[in-house]
């Protein structure tokens, strides 16, 4: 399992979308 900065950013974005669904 590789933890890339880009992957972390994408994961954070997904979390935000799930926590605050704006469409």
N, C-alpha and C. Protein backbone atom coordinates (compact mmCIF):
# COMPACT_ATOMS: atom_id res chain seq x y z
N UNK A 1 0.85 -1.19 0.00
CA UNK A 1 0.00 0.00 0.00
C UNK A 1 0.89 1.24 0.00
N UNK A 2 0.71 2.07 -1.03
CA UNK A 2 1.54 3.29 -1.13
C UNK A 2 0.69 4.51 -0.80
N UNK A 3 1.19 5.36 0.08
CA UNK A 3 0.45 6.58 0.44
C UNK A 3 1.03 7.78 -0.28
N UNK A 4 0.41 8.13 -1.41
CA UNK A 4 0.88 9.28 -2.18
C UNK A 4 0.11 10.53 -1.76
N UNK A 5 0.75 11.68 -1.79
CA UNK A 5 0.11 12.94 -1.42
C UNK A 5 -1.15 13.19 -2.26
N UNK A 6 -1.08 12.85 -3.54
CA UNK A 6 -2.23 13.06 -4.42
C UNK A 6 -3.40 12.19 -3.97
N UNK A 7 -3.09 10.93 -3.61
CA UNK A 7 -4.12 10.01 -3.15
C UNK A 7 -4.77 10.53 -1.87
N UNK A 8 -3.95 11.08 -0.98
CA UNK A 8 -4.48 11.63 0.27
C UNK A 8 -5.43 12.79 -0.02
N UNK A 9 -5.06 13.63 -0.99
CA UNK A 9 -5.89 14.78 -1.35
C UNK A 9 -7.23 14.29 -1.90
N UNK A 10 -7.18 13.29 -2.76
CA UNK A 10 -8.41 12.75 -3.35
C UNK A 10 -9.29 12.17 -2.25
N UNK A 11 -8.67 11.46 -1.29
CA UNK A 11 -9.42 10.87 -0.19
C UNK A 11 -10.09 11.96 0.63
N UNK A 12 -9.35 13.03 0.90
CA UNK A 12 -9.91 14.14 1.69
C UNK A 12 -11.10 14.75 0.95
N UNK A 13 -10.96 14.92 -0.36
CA UNK A 13 -12.03 15.51 -1.16
C UNK A 13 -13.27 14.63 -1.07
N UNK A 14 -13.08 13.32 -1.15
CA UNK A 14 -14.21 12.39 -1.07
C UNK A 14 -14.89 12.51 0.28
N UNK A 15 -14.09 12.64 1.32
CA UNK A 15 -14.64 12.78 2.68
C UNK A 15 -15.49 14.04 2.76
N UNK A 16 -14.96 15.14 2.23
CA UNK A 16 -15.68 16.42 2.27
C UNK A 16 -17.01 16.30 1.52
N UNK A 17 -16.97 15.63 0.37
CA UNK A 17 -18.19 15.48 -0.42
C UNK A 17 -19.23 14.66 0.34
N UNK A 18 -18.75 13.66 1.09
CA UNK A 18 -19.68 12.82 1.86
C UNK A 18 -20.22 13.57 3.06
N UNK A 19 -19.35 14.38 3.68
CA UNK A 19 -19.78 15.12 4.87
C UNK A 19 -20.66 16.30 4.49
N UNK A 20 -20.31 16.96 3.37
CA UNK A 20 -21.08 18.14 2.95
C UNK A 20 -21.48 18.00 1.48
N UNK A 21 -22.52 17.21 1.22
CA UNK A 21 -22.98 16.99 -0.16
C UNK A 21 -23.62 18.24 -0.74
N UNK A 22 -22.90 18.88 -1.67
CA UNK A 22 -23.43 20.10 -2.29
C UNK A 22 -23.88 19.81 -3.72
N UNK A 23 -24.33 18.60 -3.96
CA UNK A 23 -24.77 18.25 -5.30
C UNK A 23 -23.87 17.20 -5.87
